[in-house]
């Protein structure tokens, strides 16, 4: 709870200083490393303090639009740039990243439902369901990929009609995409996705803690 309180305070700075300037961004996954070095608590705390300070710096410079942790570890950033090189430069001064506390995925991102917005005060922190789709292209699936991806897009459009979808977006270079919902969805729903059934997409579901309005939802 202490970490969440600190995150809420820092998120207020993100919302105050940041502004969305385009419809394309850079999405950063901070994936928990299972092989990270075991460190004394004091050193871990120092790294996390530096990590939070870096979040504040990126926010005050207008570079960070959205930040949120996953239940169980890790989290996301959405950065206000379309340049992967620039994003990596912004991230490179984070002490936690320097210490390899997370494995990063840094991806070009374009929302197709919802968007990326600066949350309005007073900030309300909410928990959403976060679904990540990963491409699974190999010699057995590559031939079916274009057709199944189109059917996947149509499937998500149908899901969005129930009003449960907060945002949906894609990454470049066949890197998959994300779907965020405000209500629980059973894994079977995604197991029935044509691209998942066809083996060209894999999915995982997590809980994301983030400010309401960060994805332009009401």
C-alpha atoms as a PDB file:
ATOM      1  CA  UNK A   1       0.000   0.000   0.000  1.00  0.00           C
ATOM      2  CA  UNK A   2       2.899   2.348   0.697  1.00  0.00           C
ATOM      3  CA  UNK A   3       4.199   1.848  -2.847  1.00  0.00           C
ATOM      4  CA  UNK A   4       0.735   2.517  -4.238  1.00  0.00           C
ATOM      5  CA  UNK A   5       0.494   5.744  -2.245  1.00  0.00           C
ATOM      6  CA  UNK A   6       3.847   6.878  -3.626  1.00  0.00           C
ATOM      7  CA  UNK A   7       2.758   5.904  -7.126  1.00  0.00           C
ATOM      8  CA  UNK A   8      -0.490   7.880  -6.775  1.00  0.00           C
ATOM      9  CA  UNK A   9       1.453  10.984  -5.746  1.00  0.00           C
ATOM     10  CA  UNK A  10       3.836  10.631  -8.651  1.00  0.00           C
ATOM     11  CA  UNK A  11       1.007   9.928 -11.055  1.00  0.00           C
ATOM     12  CA  UNK A  12      -0.509  13.299 -10.191  1.00  0.00           C
ATOM     13  CA  UNK A  13       2.705  14.832 -11.531  1.00  0.00           C
ATOM     14  CA  UNK A  14       2.428  12.742 -14.689  1.00  0.00           C
ATOM     15  CA  UNK A  15      -1.075  14.039 -15.298  1.00  0.00           C
ATOM     16  CA  UNK A  16      -0.190  17.654 -14.472  1.00  0.00           C
ATOM     17  CA  UNK A  17       2.861  17.959 -16.675  1.00  0.00           C
ATOM     18  CA  UNK A  18       2.199  15.607 -19.587  1.00  0.00           C
ATOM     19  CA  UNK A  19       0.104  16.171 -22.681  1.00  0.00           C
ATOM     20  CA  UNK A  20      -0.698  13.858 -25.561  1.00  0.00           C
ATOM     21  CA  UNK A  21       0.552  15.298 -28.831  1.00  0.00           C
ATOM     22  CA  UNK A  22      -0.159  12.563 -31.379  1.00  0.00           C
ATOM     23  CA  UNK A  23      -2.135   9.394 -31.985  1.00  0.00           C
ATOM     24  CA  UNK A  24       1.014   7.264 -32.084  1.00  0.00           C
ATOM     25  CA  UNK A  25       3.190   6.622 -29.066  1.00  0.00           C
ATOM     26  CA  UNK A  26       5.802   4.313 -27.622  1.00  0.00           C
ATOM     27  CA  UNK A  27       4.544   1.593 -25.297  1.00  0.00           C
ATOM     28  CA  UNK A  28       6.922   0.199 -22.684  1.00  0.00           C
ATOM     29  CA  UNK A  29       6.436  -3.066 -20.832  1.00  0.00           C
ATOM     30  CA  UNK A  30       8.472  -3.396 -17.651  1.00  0.00           C
ATOM     31  CA  UNK A  31       8.442  -7.183 -17.337  1.00  0.00           C
ATOM     32  CA  UNK A  32       9.432  -8.738 -14.027  1.00  0.00           C
ATOM     33  CA  UNK A  33      12.655 -10.694 -14.326  1.00  0.00           C
ATOM     34  CA  UNK A  34      12.720 -14.116 -12.712  1.00  0.00           C
ATOM     35  CA  UNK A  35      16.515 -14.125 -12.949  1.00  0.00           C
ATOM     36  CA  UNK A  36      17.173 -10.741 -11.342  1.00  0.00           C
ATOM     37  CA  UNK A  37      19.898 -10.565  -8.737  1.00  0.00           C
ATOM     38  CA  UNK A  38      18.957 -10.931  -5.088  1.00  0.00           C
ATOM     39  CA  UNK A  39      19.800  -7.632  -3.399  1.00  0.00           C
ATOM     40  CA  UNK A  40      19.590  -6.342   0.182  1.00  0.00           C
ATOM     41  CA  UNK A  41      16.306  -4.610   0.972  1.00  0.00           C
ATOM     42  CA  UNK A  42      18.058  -1.275   1.440  1.00  0.00           C
ATOM     43  CA  UNK A  43      19.522  -1.460  -2.065  1.00  0.00           C
ATOM     44  CA  UNK A  44      16.192  -2.480  -3.606  1.00  0.00           C
ATOM     45  CA  UNK A  45      14.467   0.417  -1.835  1.00  0.00           C
ATOM     46  CA  UNK A  46      17.100   2.825  -3.147  1.00  0.00           C
ATOM     47  CA  UNK A  47      16.629   1.554  -6.699  1.00  0.00           C
ATOM     48  CA  UNK A  48      12.851   1.936  -6.435  1.00  0.00           C
ATOM     49  CA  UNK A  49      13.226   5.475  -5.111  1.00  0.00           C
ATOM     50  CA  UNK A  50      15.387   6.262  -8.118  1.00  0.00           C
ATOM     51  CA  UNK A  51      12.850   4.582 -10.395  1.00  0.00           C
ATOM     52  CA  UNK A  52      10.047   6.732  -8.979  1.00  0.00           C
ATOM     53  CA  UNK A  53      12.203   9.841  -9.296  1.00  0.00           C
ATOM     54  CA  UNK A  54      12.777   9.010 -12.948  1.00  0.00           C
ATOM     55  CA  UNK A  55       9.014   8.710 -13.460  1.00  0.00           C
ATOM     56  CA  UNK A  56       8.661  12.183 -11.965  1.00  0.00           C
ATOM     57  CA  UNK A  57      11.376  13.577 -14.227  1.00  0.00           C
ATOM     58  CA  UNK A  58       9.849  12.099 -17.379  1.00  0.00           C
ATOM     59  CA  UNK A  59       6.471  13.481 -16.370  1.00  0.00           C
ATOM     60  CA  UNK A  60       7.724  16.975 -15.628  1.00  0.00           C
ATOM     61  CA  UNK A  61       9.470  17.025 -18.999  1.00  0.00           C
ATOM     62  CA  UNK A  62       6.242  16.073 -20.771  1.00  0.00           C
ATOM     63  CA  UNK A  63       7.616  12.739 -21.947  1.00  0.00           C
ATOM     64  CA  UNK A  64       5.509  10.300 -19.912  1.00  0.00           C
ATOM     65  CA  UNK A  65       1.733  10.234 -20.435  1.00  0.00           C
ATOM     66  CA  UNK A  66       0.586   7.007 -18.746  1.00  0.00           C
ATOM     67  CA  UNK A  67       2.202   4.822 -16.095  1.00  0.00           C
ATOM     68  CA  UNK A  68       0.737   1.945 -14.148  1.00  0.00           C
ATOM     69  CA  UNK A  69       1.843  -1.177 -12.271  1.00  0.00           C
ATOM     70  CA  UNK A  70       0.573  -4.707 -12.757  1.00  0.00           C
ATOM     71  CA  UNK A  71      -0.614  -6.742  -9.813  1.00  0.00           C
ATOM     72  CA  UNK A  72       2.203  -9.167  -9.128  1.00  0.00           C
ATOM     73  CA  UNK A  73       4.984  -6.938 -10.447  1.00  0.00           C
ATOM     74  CA  UNK A  74       6.047  -5.070 -13.530  1.00  0.00           C
ATOM     75  CA  UNK A  75       4.024  -2.409 -15.281  1.00  0.00           C
ATOM     76  CA  UNK A  76       3.684  -0.129 -18.292  1.00  0.00           C
ATOM     77  CA  UNK A  77       4.661   3.304 -19.546  1.00  0.00           C
ATOM     78  CA  UNK A  78       3.231   5.127 -22.531  1.00  0.00           C
ATOM     79  CA  UNK A  79       5.726   7.689 -23.782  1.00  0.00           C
ATOM     80  CA  UNK A  80       4.979  10.758 -25.863  1.00  0.00           C
ATOM     81  CA  UNK A  81       7.281   9.890 -28.750  1.00  0.00           C
ATOM     82  CA  UNK A  82       7.199   7.796 -31.901  1.00  0.00           C
ATOM     83  CA  UNK A  83      10.960   7.213 -31.827  1.00  0.00           C
ATOM     84  CA  UNK A  84      12.194   4.007 -30.200  1.00  0.00           C
ATOM     85  CA  UNK A  85      15.698   5.448 -29.949  1.00  0.00           C
ATOM     86  CA  UNK A  86      14.389   8.532 -28.171  1.00  0.00           C
ATOM     87  CA  UNK A  87      12.290   6.400 -25.830  1.00  0.00           C
ATOM     88  CA  UNK A  88      15.314   4.286 -24.918  1.00  0.00           C
ATOM     89  CA  UNK A  89      17.295   7.438 -24.225  1.00  0.00           C
ATOM     90  CA  UNK A  90      14.573   8.695 -21.890  1.00  0.00           C
ATOM     91  CA  UNK A  91      14.494   5.363 -20.074  1.00  0.00           C
ATOM     92  CA  UNK A  92      18.240   4.902 -19.833  1.00  0.00           C
ATOM     93  CA  UNK A  93      18.696   7.061 -16.716  1.00  0.00           C
ATOM     94  CA  UNK A  94      16.270   4.977 -14.638  1.00  0.00           C
ATOM     95  CA  UNK A  95      18.337   3.292 -11.875  1.00  0.00           C
ATOM     96  CA  UNK A  96      16.004   0.295 -11.798  1.00  0.00           C
ATOM     97  CA  UNK A  97      16.387  -0.218 -15.531  1.00  0.00           C
ATOM     98  CA  UNK A  98      20.149   0.260 -15.283  1.00  0.00           C
ATOM     99  CA  UNK A  99      20.197  -2.478 -12.633  1.00  0.00           C
ATOM    100  CA  UNK A 100      18.226  -4.852 -14.898  1.00  0.00           C
ATOM    101  CA  UNK A 101      15.302  -5.129 -12.493  1.00  0.00           C
ATOM    102  CA  UNK A 102      12.953  -5.470 -15.463  1.00  0.00           C
ATOM    103  CA  UNK A 103      13.132  -6.837 -18.969  1.00  0.00           C
ATOM    104  CA  UNK A 104      11.871  -4.097 -21.281  1.00  0.00           C
ATOM    105  CA  UNK A 105       9.718  -4.349 -24.377  1.00  0.00           C
ATOM    106  CA  UNK A 106       9.728  -0.964 -26.139  1.00  0.00           C
ATOM    107  CA  UNK A 107       7.199  -0.920 -28.980  1.00  0.00           C
ATOM    108  CA  UNK A 108       5.571   1.556 -31.388  1.00  0.00           C
ATOM    109  CA  UNK A 109       1.920   1.845 -30.366  1.00  0.00           C
ATOM    110  CA  UNK A 110      -1.268   3.040 -32.043  1.00  0.00           C
ATOM    111  CA  UNK A 111      -4.635   2.962 -30.216  1.00  0.00           C
ATOM    112  CA  UNK A 112      -7.643   1.995 -32.345  1.00  0.00           C
ATOM    113  CA  UNK A 113     -10.353   2.100 -29.667  1.00  0.00           C
ATOM    114  CA  UNK A 114     -10.092   4.725 -26.953  1.00  0.00           C
ATOM    115  CA  UNK A 115      -6.811   6.584 -26.848  1.00  0.00           C
ATOM    116  CA  UNK A 116      -4.072   7.980 -24.624  1.00  0.00           C
ATOM    117  CA  UNK A 117      -5.153  10.928 -22.501  1.00  0.00           C
ATOM    118  CA  UNK A 118      -4.094  13.006 -19.534  1.00  0.00           C
ATOM    119  CA  UNK A 119      -6.350  11.986 -16.637  1.00  0.00           C
ATOM    120  CA  UNK A 120      -8.284  14.816 -15.024  1.00  0.00           C
ATOM    121  CA  UNK A 121      -8.295  15.810 -11.366  1.00  0.00           C
ATOM    122  CA  UNK A 122      -9.377  14.553  -8.910  1.00  0.00           C
ATOM    123  CA  UNK A 123      -7.528  11.389  -9.881  1.00  0.00           C
ATOM    124  CA  UNK A 124      -9.366   8.113  -9.370  1.00  0.00           C
ATOM    125  CA  UNK A 125      -7.169   5.030  -9.460  1.00  0.00           C
ATOM    126  CA  UNK A 126      -8.878   1.963 -10.904  1.00  0.00           C
ATOM    127  CA  UNK A 127      -8.020  -1.637 -11.702  1.00  0.00           C
ATOM    128  CA  UNK A 128      -8.575  -2.818 -15.260  1.00  0.00           C
ATOM    129  CA  UNK A 129      -8.099  -6.128 -16.992  1.00  0.00           C
ATOM    130  CA  UNK A 130      -5.111  -5.938 -19.320  1.00  0.00           C
ATOM    131  CA  UNK A 131      -4.827  -8.429 -22.170  1.00  0.00           C
ATOM    132  CA  UNK A 132      -1.675  -8.596 -24.234  1.00  0.00           C
ATOM    133  CA  UNK A 133      -1.663 -10.399 -27.575  1.00  0.00           C
ATOM    134  CA  UNK A 134       1.678 -11.658 -28.857  1.00  0.00           C
ATOM    135  CA  UNK A 135       2.360 -12.806 -32.399  1.00  0.00           C
ATOM    136  CA  UNK A 136       3.307 -16.452 -32.736  1.00  0.00           C
ATOM    137  CA  UNK A 137       4.562 -16.593 -36.304  1.00  0.00           C
ATOM    138  CA  UNK A 138       6.553 -19.588 -37.487  1.00  0.00           C
ATOM    139  CA  UNK A 139       6.568 -21.814 -40.534  1.00  0.00           C
ATOM    140  CA  UNK A 140       3.370 -23.606 -39.497  1.00  0.00           C
ATOM    141  CA  UNK A 141       1.382 -20.387 -38.948  1.00  0.00           C
ATOM    142  CA  UNK A 142       2.894 -17.762 -41.253  1.00  0.00           C
ATOM    143  CA  UNK A 143       0.663 -18.614 -44.206  1.00  0.00           C
ATOM    144  CA  UNK A 144      -2.543 -18.147 -42.205  1.00  0.00           C
ATOM    145  CA  UNK A 145      -1.418 -15.031 -40.363  1.00  0.00           C
ATOM    146  CA  UNK A 146      -2.972 -12.295 -42.581  1.00  0.00           C
ATOM    147  CA  UNK A 147      -6.395 -13.950 -42.729  1.00  0.00           C
ATOM    148  CA  UNK A 148      -6.477 -14.858 -39.045  1.00  0.00           C
ATOM    149  CA  UNK A 149      -5.295 -11.396 -38.018  1.00  0.00           C
ATOM    150  CA  UNK A 150      -8.191  -9.843 -39.937  1.00  0.00           C
ATOM    151  CA  UNK A 151     -10.611 -12.228 -38.213  1.00  0.00           C
ATOM    152  CA  UNK A 152      -8.987 -11.335 -34.882  1.00  0.00           C
ATOM    153  CA  UNK A 153      -9.650  -7.635 -35.539  1.00  0.00           C
ATOM    154  CA  UNK A 154     -13.280  -8.379 -36.377  1.00  0.00           C
ATOM    155  CA  UNK A 155     -13.599 -10.490 -33.226  1.00  0.00           C
ATOM    156  CA  UNK A 156     -12.328  -7.643 -31.041  1.00  0.00           C
ATOM    157  CA  UNK A 157     -14.719  -5.203 -32.707  1.00  0.00           C
ATOM    158  CA  UNK A 158     -17.591  -7.478 -31.712  1.00  0.00           C
ATOM    159  CA  UNK A 159     -16.293  -7.658 -28.132  1.00  0.00           C
ATOM    160  CA  UNK A 160     -16.150  -3.865 -27.989  1.00  0.00           C
ATOM    161  CA  UNK A 161     -19.869  -3.614 -28.713  1.00  0.00           C
ATOM    162  CA  UNK A 162     -20.744  -4.797 -25.190  1.00  0.00           C
ATOM    163  CA  UNK A 163     -19.350  -1.591 -23.665  1.00  0.00           C
ATOM    164  CA  UNK A 164     -16.752  -3.404 -21.583  1.00  0.00           C
ATOM    165  CA  UNK A 165     -13.700  -2.385 -23.637  1.00  0.00           C
ATOM    166  CA  UNK A 166     -11.728   0.641 -22.437  1.00  0.00           C
ATOM    167  CA  UNK A 167      -9.103   0.689 -25.165  1.00  0.00           C
ATOM    168  CA  UNK A 168      -7.552  -1.479 -27.849  1.00  0.00           C
ATOM    169  CA  UNK A 169      -4.408  -0.892 -29.843  1.00  0.00           C
ATOM    170  CA  UNK A 170      -1.688  -2.480 -31.904  1.00  0.00           C
ATOM    171  CA  UNK A 171       2.088  -2.556 -32.013  1.00  0.00           C
ATOM    172  CA  UNK A 172       4.095  -2.300 -35.219  1.00  0.00           C
ATOM    173  CA  UNK A 173       6.105  -5.029 -36.942  1.00  0.00           C
ATOM    174  CA  UNK A 174       3.699  -7.879 -36.162  1.00  0.00           C
ATOM    175  CA  UNK A 175       4.260  -7.485 -32.422  1.00  0.00           C
ATOM    176  CA  UNK A 176       0.621  -8.015 -31.456  1.00  0.00           C
ATOM    177  CA  UNK A 177      -1.432  -5.574 -29.418  1.00  0.00           C
ATOM    178  CA  UNK A 178      -3.418  -4.951 -26.244  1.00  0.00           C
ATOM    179  CA  UNK A 179      -6.999  -4.881 -25.036  1.00  0.00           C
ATOM    180  CA  UNK A 180      -8.062  -3.270 -21.750  1.00  0.00           C
ATOM    181  CA  UNK A 181     -11.461  -3.943 -20.200  1.00  0.00           C
ATOM    182  CA  UNK A 182     -13.230  -2.588 -17.147  1.00  0.00           C
ATOM    183  CA  UNK A 183     -14.917  -5.861 -16.284  1.00  0.00           C
ATOM    184  CA  UNK A 184     -13.674  -9.405 -15.965  1.00  0.00           C
ATOM    185  CA  UNK A 185     -13.664 -11.518 -19.113  1.00  0.00           C
ATOM    186  CA  UNK A 186     -13.191 -15.251 -18.901  1.00  0.00           C
ATOM    187  CA  UNK A 187     -10.075 -16.649 -20.601  1.00  0.00           C
ATOM    188  CA  UNK A 188     -12.346 -18.787 -22.766  1.00  0.00           C
ATOM    189  CA  UNK A 189     -13.423 -15.643 -24.606  1.00  0.00           C
ATOM    190  CA  UNK A 190      -9.885 -15.128 -25.860  1.00  0.00           C
ATOM    191  CA  UNK A 191      -9.291 -18.813 -26.393  1.00  0.00           C
ATOM    192  CA  UNK A 192     -12.120 -18.587 -28.941  1.00  0.00           C
ATOM    193  CA  UNK A 193     -10.433 -15.719 -30.793  1.00  0.00           C
ATOM    194  CA  UNK A 194      -9.846 -17.051 -34.338  1.00  0.00           C
ATOM    195  CA  UNK A 195      -6.174 -16.041 -34.325  1.00  0.00           C
ATOM    196  CA  UNK A 196      -5.600 -17.660 -30.929  1.00  0.00           C
ATOM    197  CA  UNK A 197      -7.378 -20.833 -32.028  1.00  0.00           C
ATOM    198  CA  UNK A 198      -5.326 -20.781 -35.216  1.00  0.00           C
ATOM    199  CA  UNK A 199      -2.066 -20.506 -33.283  1.00  0.00           C
ATOM    200  CA  UNK A 200      -0.928 -17.153 -34.717  1.00  0.00           C
ATOM    201  CA  UNK A 201      -1.556 -15.175 -31.512  1.00  0.00           C
ATOM    202  CA  UNK A 202      -0.883 -15.923 -27.849  1.00  0.00           C
ATOM    203  CA  UNK A 203      -2.480 -13.989 -25.001  1.00  0.00           C
ATOM    204  CA  UNK A 204      -1.979 -13.247 -21.314  1.00  0.00           C
ATOM    205  CA  UNK A 205      -4.259 -11.483 -18.833  1.00  0.00           C
ATOM    206  CA  UNK A 206      -3.110  -9.237 -15.978  1.00  0.00           C
ATOM    207  CA  UNK A 207      -4.573  -6.615 -13.648  1.00  0.00           C
ATOM    208  CA  UNK A 208      -3.438  -3.045 -14.313  1.00  0.00           C
ATOM    209  CA  UNK A 209      -3.677  -0.240 -11.734  1.00  0.00           C
ATOM    210  CA  UNK A 210      -3.960   3.134 -13.439  1.00  0.00           C
ATOM    211  CA  UNK A 211      -5.717   6.502 -13.276  1.00  0.00           C
ATOM    212  CA  UNK A 212      -9.225   6.518 -14.695  1.00  0.00           C
ATOM    213  CA  UNK A 213      -9.246   8.562 -17.877  1.00  0.00           C
ATOM    214  CA  UNK A 214      -5.733   7.576 -18.942  1.00  0.00           C
ATOM    215  CA  UNK A 215      -7.219   5.848 -21.987  1.00  0.00           C
ATOM    216  CA  UNK A 216      -9.736   8.631 -22.710  1.00  0.00           C
ATOM    217  CA  UNK A 217     -12.566   6.708 -21.058  1.00  0.00           C
ATOM    218  CA  UNK A 218     -15.337   8.565 -19.239  1.00  0.00           C
END
